[in-house]
All heavy atoms as atom14 arrays in JSON, in Angstrom:
{
  "sequence": "KNPTELSGTRAAHIRDGVAVARFLKWMEEHAP",
  "atom14_mask": [
    [1, 1, 1, 1, 1, 1, 1, 1, 1, 0, 0, 0, 0, 0],
    [1, 1, 1, 1, 1, 1, 1, 1, 0, 0, 0, 0, 0, 0],
    [1, 1, 1, 1, 1, 1, 1, 0, 0, 0, 0, 0, 0, 0],
    [1, 1, 1, 1, 1, 1, 1, 0, 0, 0, 0, 0, 0, 0],
    [1, 1, 1, 1, 1, 1, 1, 1, 1, 0, 0, 0, 0, 0],
    [1, 1, 1, 1, 1, 1, 1, 1, 0, 0, 0, 0, 0, 0],
    [1, 1, 1, 1, 1, 1, 0, 0, 0, 0, 0, 0, 0, 0],
    [1, 1, 1, 1, 0, 0, 0, 0, 0, 0, 0, 0, 0, 0],
    [1, 1, 1, 1, 1, 1, 1, 0, 0, 0, 0, 0, 0, 0],
    [1, 1, 1, 1, 1, 1, 1, 1, 1, 1, 1, 0, 0, 0],
    [1, 1, 1, 1, 1, 0, 0, 0, 0, 0, 0, 0, 0, 0],
    [1, 1, 1, 1, 1, 0, 0, 0, 0, 0, 0, 0, 0, 0],
    [1, 1, 1, 1, 1, 1, 1, 1, 1, 1, 0, 0, 0, 0],
    [1, 1, 1, 1, 1, 1, 1, 1, 0, 0, 0, 0, 0, 0],
    [1, 1, 1, 1, 1, 1, 1, 1, 1, 1, 1, 0, 0, 0],
    [1, 1, 1, 1, 1, 1, 1, 1, 0, 0, 0, 0, 0, 0],
    [1, 1, 1, 1, 0, 0, 0, 0, 0, 0, 0, 0, 0, 0],
    [1, 1, 1, 1, 1, 1, 1, 0, 0, 0, 0, 0, 0, 0],
    [1, 1, 1, 1, 1, 0, 0, 0, 0, 0, 0, 0, 0, 0],
    [1, 1, 1, 1, 1, 1, 1, 0, 0, 0, 0, 0, 0, 0],
    [1, 1, 1, 1, 1, 0, 0, 0, 0, 0, 0, 0, 0, 0],
    [1, 1, 1, 1, 1, 1, 1, 1, 1, 1, 1, 0, 0, 0],
    [1, 1, 1, 1, 1, 1, 1, 1, 1, 1, 1, 0, 0, 0],
    [1, 1, 1, 1, 1, 1, 1, 1, 0, 0, 0, 0, 0, 0],
    [1, 1, 1, 1, 1, 1, 1, 1, 1, 0, 0, 0, 0, 0],
    [1, 1, 1, 1, 1, 1, 1, 1, 1, 1, 1, 1, 1, 1],
    [1, 1, 1, 1, 1, 1, 1, 1, 0, 0, 0, 0, 0, 0],
    [1, 1, 1, 1, 1, 1, 1, 1, 1, 0, 0, 0, 0, 0],
    [1, 1, 1, 1, 1, 1, 1, 1, 1, 0, 0, 0, 0, 0],
    [1, 1, 1, 1, 1, 1, 1, 1, 1, 1, 0, 0, 0, 0],
    [1, 1, 1, 1, 1, 0, 0, 0, 0, 0, 0, 0, 0, 0],
    [1, 1, 1, 1, 1, 1, 1, 0, 0, 0, 0, 0, 0, 0]
  ],
  "atom14_positions": [
    [[87.5, 112.4, 111.89], [87.4, 112.78, 110.31], [86.07, 113.31, 109.95], [85.03, 112.85, 110.42], [87.86, 111.7, 109.48], [89.33, 111.43, 109.36], [89.94, 111.17, 110.52], [91.49, 110.94, 110.45], [92.27, 110.73, 111.71], [0.0, 0.0, 0.0], [0.0, 0.0, 0.0], [0.0, 0.0, 0.0], [0.0, 0.0, 0.0], [0.0, 0.0, 0.0]],
    [[86.11, 114.32, 109.25], [84.81, 114.85, 108.69], [84.46, 114.16, 107.4], [85.13, 113.4, 106.82], [84.99, 116.41, 108.42], [86.07, 116.66, 107.27], [85.99, 116.16, 106.31], [86.9, 117.65, 107.64], [0.0, 0.0, 0.0], [0.0, 0.0, 0.0], [0.0, 0.0, 0.0], [0.0, 0.0, 0.0], [0.0, 0.0, 0.0], [0.0, 0.0, 0.0]],
    [[83.12, 114.38, 107.04], [82.77, 113.43, 105.76], [83.59, 113.47, 104.57], [83.71, 112.64, 103.84], [81.31, 114.18, 105.59], [80.85, 114.63, 106.89], [82.19, 115.13, 107.51], [0.0, 0.0, 0.0], [0.0, 0.0, 0.0], [0.0, 0.0, 0.0], [0.0, 0.0, 0.0], [0.0, 0.0, 0.0], [0.0, 0.0, 0.0], [0.0, 0.0, 0.0]],
    [[84.21, 114.71, 104.3], [85.02, 114.83, 103.04], [86.33, 113.94, 103.31], [86.63, 113.32, 102.27], [85.44, 116.33, 103.01], [84.29, 117.14, 102.7], [86.35, 116.53, 101.86], [0.0, 0.0, 0.0], [0.0, 0.0, 0.0], [0.0, 0.0, 0.0], [0.0, 0.0, 0.0], [0.0, 0.0, 0.0], [0.0, 0.0, 0.0], [0.0, 0.0, 0.0]],
    [[86.86, 113.94, 104.5], [87.98, 113.21, 104.79], [87.7, 111.76, 104.66], [88.46, 110.87, 104.04], [88.55, 113.53, 106.11], [89.22, 115.01, 106.24], [89.58, 115.26, 107.62], [88.82, 115.02, 108.47], [90.68, 115.76, 107.84], [0.0, 0.0, 0.0], [0.0, 0.0, 0.0], [0.0, 0.0, 0.0], [0.0, 0.0, 0.0], [0.0, 0.0, 0.0]],
    [[86.59, 111.26, 105.29], [86.12, 109.85, 105.14], [85.84, 109.55, 103.76], [86.27, 108.39, 103.32], [84.93, 109.59, 106.02], [85.13, 109.79, 107.53], [83.91, 109.64, 108.31], [86.17, 108.77, 108.0], [0.0, 0.0, 0.0], [0.0, 0.0, 0.0], [0.0, 0.0, 0.0], [0.0, 0.0, 0.0], [0.0, 0.0, 0.0], [0.0, 0.0, 0.0]],
    [[85.26, 110.31, 103.01], [85.1, 109.94, 101.49], [86.34, 109.83, 100.81], [86.5, 108.75, 100.07], [84.28, 111.02, 101.06], [84.0, 110.74, 99.5], [0.0, 0.0, 0.0], [0.0, 0.0, 0.0], [0.0, 0.0, 0.0], [0.0, 0.0, 0.0], [0.0, 0.0, 0.0], [0.0, 0.0, 0.0], [0.0, 0.0, 0.0], [0.0, 0.0, 0.0]],
    [[87.38, 110.75, 101.08], [88.54, 110.6, 100.39], [89.32, 109.32, 100.87], [89.87, 108.67, 99.97], [0.0, 0.0, 0.0], [0.0, 0.0, 0.0], [0.0, 0.0, 0.0], [0.0, 0.0, 0.0], [0.0, 0.0, 0.0], [0.0, 0.0, 0.0], [0.0, 0.0, 0.0], [0.0, 0.0, 0.0], [0.0, 0.0, 0.0], [0.0, 0.0, 0.0]],
    [[89.34, 109.09, 102.03], [90.16, 107.86, 102.51], [89.6, 106.58, 102.13], [90.31, 105.6, 101.83], [90.31, 107.84, 104.03], [91.41, 107.22, 104.48], [89.1, 107.37, 104.84], [0.0, 0.0, 0.0], [0.0, 0.0, 0.0], [0.0, 0.0, 0.0], [0.0, 0.0, 0.0], [0.0, 0.0, 0.0], [0.0, 0.0, 0.0], [0.0, 0.0, 0.0]],
    [[88.14, 106.58, 101.99], [87.51, 105.39, 101.38], [88.0, 105.18, 99.86], [88.35, 104.04, 99.51], [86.1, 105.4, 101.42], [85.52, 105.29, 102.88], [83.99, 105.11, 102.85], [83.37, 105.23, 104.17], [82.91, 106.34, 104.74], [82.81, 107.44, 104.13], [82.32, 106.21, 106.06], [0.0, 0.0, 0.0], [0.0, 0.0, 0.0], [0.0, 0.0, 0.0]],
    [[88.0, 106.16, 99.11], [88.58, 106.1, 97.75], [90.04, 105.69, 97.71], [90.3, 104.84, 96.87], [88.36, 107.45, 97.03], [0.0, 0.0, 0.0], [0.0, 0.0, 0.0], [0.0, 0.0, 0.0], [0.0, 0.0, 0.0], [0.0, 0.0, 0.0], [0.0, 0.0, 0.0], [0.0, 0.0, 0.0], [0.0, 0.0, 0.0], [0.0, 0.0, 0.0]],
    [[90.76, 106.21, 98.62], [92.29, 105.87, 98.52], [92.32, 104.41, 98.98], [93.31, 103.68, 98.4], [92.88, 106.69, 99.58], [0.0, 0.0, 0.0], [0.0, 0.0, 0.0], [0.0, 0.0, 0.0], [0.0, 0.0, 0.0], [0.0, 0.0, 0.0], [0.0, 0.0, 0.0], [0.0, 0.0, 0.0], [0.0, 0.0, 0.0], [0.0, 0.0, 0.0]],
    [[91.56, 103.79, 99.81], [91.8, 102.46, 100.19], [91.24, 101.45, 99.0], [91.87, 100.44, 98.95], [90.89, 102.16, 101.49], [91.61, 102.44, 102.77], [91.71, 103.85, 103.22], [92.38, 101.82, 103.6], [92.44, 103.88, 104.3], [92.86, 102.58, 104.51], [0.0, 0.0, 0.0], [0.0, 0.0, 0.0], [0.0, 0.0, 0.0], [0.0, 0.0, 0.0]],
    [[90.26, 101.82, 98.28], [89.96, 101.05, 97.21], [91.06, 101.08, 96.15], [91.52, 100.02, 95.68], [88.64, 101.53, 96.6], [87.47, 101.26, 97.46], [88.43, 100.86, 95.26], [86.13, 101.88, 97.1], [0.0, 0.0, 0.0], [0.0, 0.0, 0.0], [0.0, 0.0, 0.0], [0.0, 0.0, 0.0], [0.0, 0.0, 0.0], [0.0, 0.0, 0.0]],
    [[91.69, 102.17, 95.92], [92.74, 102.35, 95.0], [93.82, 101.47, 95.4], [94.61, 100.83, 94.69], [93.13, 103.84, 94.89], [94.18, 104.25, 93.79], [94.5, 105.64, 93.91], [93.3, 106.65, 93.95], [93.11, 107.33, 94.92], [93.88, 107.52, 96.01], [91.98, 108.07, 95.02], [0.0, 0.0, 0.0], [0.0, 0.0, 0.0], [0.0, 0.0, 0.0]],
    [[94.21, 101.56, 96.67], [95.31, 100.88, 97.18], [95.06, 99.33, 97.28], [95.91, 98.54, 97.05], [95.49, 101.33, 98.67], [96.87, 100.95, 99.22], [97.82, 101.42, 98.82], [96.92, 100.13, 100.15], [0.0, 0.0, 0.0], [0.0, 0.0, 0.0], [0.0, 0.0, 0.0], [0.0, 0.0, 0.0], [0.0, 0.0, 0.0], [0.0, 0.0, 0.0]],
    [[93.78, 99.09, 97.55], [93.41, 97.62, 97.44], [93.63, 96.97, 96.18], [93.96, 95.64, 96.09], [0.0, 0.0, 0.0], [0.0, 0.0, 0.0], [0.0, 0.0, 0.0], [0.0, 0.0, 0.0], [0.0, 0.0, 0.0], [0.0, 0.0, 0.0], [0.0, 0.0, 0.0], [0.0, 0.0, 0.0], [0.0, 0.0, 0.0], [0.0, 0.0, 0.0]],
    [[93.48, 97.6, 95.06], [93.71, 97.0, 93.84], [95.15, 96.61, 93.66], [95.49, 95.6, 93.31], [93.17, 98.05, 92.63], [93.76, 97.63, 91.28], [91.8, 98.29, 92.65], [0.0, 0.0, 0.0], [0.0, 0.0, 0.0], [0.0, 0.0, 0.0], [0.0, 0.0, 0.0], [0.0, 0.0, 0.0], [0.0, 0.0, 0.0], [0.0, 0.0, 0.0]],
    [[95.99, 97.51, 94.07], [97.4, 97.28, 94.11], [97.92, 96.14, 94.87], [98.63, 95.27, 94.47], [98.22, 98.62, 94.47], [0.0, 0.0, 0.0], [0.0, 0.0, 0.0], [0.0, 0.0, 0.0], [0.0, 0.0, 0.0], [0.0, 0.0, 0.0], [0.0, 0.0, 0.0], [0.0, 0.0, 0.0], [0.0, 0.0, 0.0], [0.0, 0.0, 0.0]],
    [[97.27, 96.03, 96.09], [97.69, 94.93, 97.06], [97.13, 93.58, 96.41], [97.85, 92.56, 96.59], [97.07, 95.33, 98.49], [97.25, 93.99, 99.29], [97.72, 96.49, 99.09], [0.0, 0.0, 0.0], [0.0, 0.0, 0.0], [0.0, 0.0, 0.0], [0.0, 0.0, 0.0], [0.0, 0.0, 0.0], [0.0, 0.0, 0.0], [0.0, 0.0, 0.0]],
    [[95.9, 93.65, 95.93], [95.39, 92.4, 95.31], [96.19, 92.01, 94.13], [96.49, 90.7, 94.02], [93.93, 92.59, 94.93], [0.0, 0.0, 0.0], [0.0, 0.0, 0.0], [0.0, 0.0, 0.0], [0.0, 0.0, 0.0], [0.0, 0.0, 0.0], [0.0, 0.0, 0.0], [0.0, 0.0, 0.0], [0.0, 0.0, 0.0], [0.0, 0.0, 0.0]],
    [[96.65, 92.84, 93.47], [97.54, 92.39, 92.23], [98.85, 91.87, 92.74], [99.37, 90.91, 92.22], [97.83, 93.57, 91.31], [96.51, 94.05, 90.63], [96.76, 95.3, 89.66], [97.68, 94.9, 88.64], [98.55, 95.7, 87.95], [98.66, 96.98, 88.34], [99.31, 95.3, 87.03], [0.0, 0.0, 0.0], [0.0, 0.0, 0.0], [0.0, 0.0, 0.0]],
    [[99.27, 92.43, 93.69], [100.51, 91.97, 94.41], [100.35, 90.62, 94.95], [101.16, 89.77, 94.82], [101.06, 92.88, 95.56], [102.22, 92.33, 96.35], [103.5, 92.32, 95.88], [101.97, 91.92, 97.6], [104.44, 91.86, 96.54], [102.95, 91.38, 98.4], [104.38, 91.44, 97.81], [0.0, 0.0, 0.0], [0.0, 0.0, 0.0], [0.0, 0.0, 0.0]],
    [[99.23, 90.32, 95.64], [98.9, 89.0, 96.2], [98.89, 87.92, 95.13], [99.4, 86.77, 95.32], [97.7, 88.93, 97.01], [97.6, 89.93, 98.25], [96.32, 89.86, 98.92], [98.68, 89.4, 99.33], [0.0, 0.0, 0.0], [0.0, 0.0, 0.0], [0.0, 0.0, 0.0], [0.0, 0.0, 0.0], [0.0, 0.0, 0.0], [0.0, 0.0, 0.0]],
    [[98.29, 88.29, 93.94], [98.42, 87.34, 92.8], [99.7, 87.11, 92.35], [100.12, 85.95, 91.96], [97.35, 87.98, 91.74], [97.48, 87.18, 90.44], [96.52, 87.9, 89.38], [96.67, 87.22, 87.98], [97.94, 87.26, 87.3], [0.0, 0.0, 0.0], [0.0, 0.0, 0.0], [0.0, 0.0, 0.0], [0.0, 0.0, 0.0], [0.0, 0.0, 0.0]],
    [[100.52, 88.28, 92.16], [101.81, 87.96, 91.66], [102.65, 87.15, 92.57], [103.44, 86.3, 92.21], [102.44, 89.44, 91.63], [103.88, 89.47, 91.07], [104.19, 89.59, 89.7], [105.09, 89.54, 91.9], [105.53, 89.69, 89.67], [106.13, 89.56, 90.95], [105.23, 89.39, 93.26], [107.49, 89.58, 91.32], [106.63, 89.51, 93.6], [107.6, 89.5, 92.58]],
    [[102.45, 87.32, 93.9], [103.23, 86.51, 94.98], [102.77, 85.06, 94.77], [103.63, 84.09, 94.89], [102.99, 86.94, 96.27], [103.61, 88.26, 96.76], [105.54, 87.96, 96.89], [105.58, 86.81, 98.31], [0.0, 0.0, 0.0], [0.0, 0.0, 0.0], [0.0, 0.0, 0.0], [0.0, 0.0, 0.0], [0.0, 0.0, 0.0], [0.0, 0.0, 0.0]],
    [[101.52, 84.79, 94.58], [101.0, 83.42, 94.42], [101.71, 82.77, 93.34], [101.96, 81.52, 93.25], [99.55, 83.35, 94.41], [98.87, 82.04, 94.26], [97.44, 82.14, 94.28], [96.84, 82.59, 95.29], [96.87, 81.65, 93.31], [0.0, 0.0, 0.0], [0.0, 0.0, 0.0], [0.0, 0.0, 0.0], [0.0, 0.0, 0.0], [0.0, 0.0, 0.0]],
    [[101.89, 83.48, 92.26], [102.56, 82.91, 90.87], [103.94, 82.86, 91.11], [104.58, 81.91, 90.55], [102.12, 83.88, 89.86], [100.61, 83.85, 89.55], [100.29, 84.92, 88.59], [101.05, 85.89, 88.31], [99.1, 84.88, 88.04], [0.0, 0.0, 0.0], [0.0, 0.0, 0.0], [0.0, 0.0, 0.0], [0.0, 0.0, 0.0], [0.0, 0.0, 0.0]],
    [[104.76, 83.68, 91.72], [106.19, 83.83, 91.66], [106.92, 83.23, 92.9], [107.98, 82.75, 92.68], [106.67, 85.32, 91.4], [106.3, 85.8, 90.07], [105.04, 86.26, 89.76], [106.98, 85.88, 88.97], [105.1, 86.64, 88.53], [106.29, 86.38, 88.02], [0.0, 0.0, 0.0], [0.0, 0.0, 0.0], [0.0, 0.0, 0.0], [0.0, 0.0, 0.0]],
    [[106.33, 83.51, 94.13], [107.03, 83.07, 95.24], [107.45, 81.49, 95.23], [108.52, 81.25, 95.79], [106.36, 83.51, 96.47], [0.0, 0.0, 0.0], [0.0, 0.0, 0.0], [0.0, 0.0, 0.0], [0.0, 0.0, 0.0], [0.0, 0.0, 0.0], [0.0, 0.0, 0.0], [0.0, 0.0, 0.0], [0.0, 0.0, 0.0], [0.0, 0.0, 0.0]],
    [[106.47, 80.64, 94.96], [106.77, 79.28, 95.0], [107.92, 78.77, 94.09], [108.58, 77.72, 94.3], [105.46, 78.58, 94.7], [104.44, 79.49, 94.97], [104.99, 80.9, 94.7], [0.0, 0.0, 0.0], [0.0, 0.0, 0.0], [0.0, 0.0, 0.0], [0.0, 0.0, 0.0], [0.0, 0.0, 0.0], [0.0, 0.0, 0.0], [0.0, 0.0, 0.0]]
  ]
}
């Protein structure tokens, strides 16, 4: 990957991480 692609994918992973973290919280509250 070139620097532009790496910069973009890092941003995508932070955006995605927020969604996954919110899901993990939701699972902790609802699954049990």
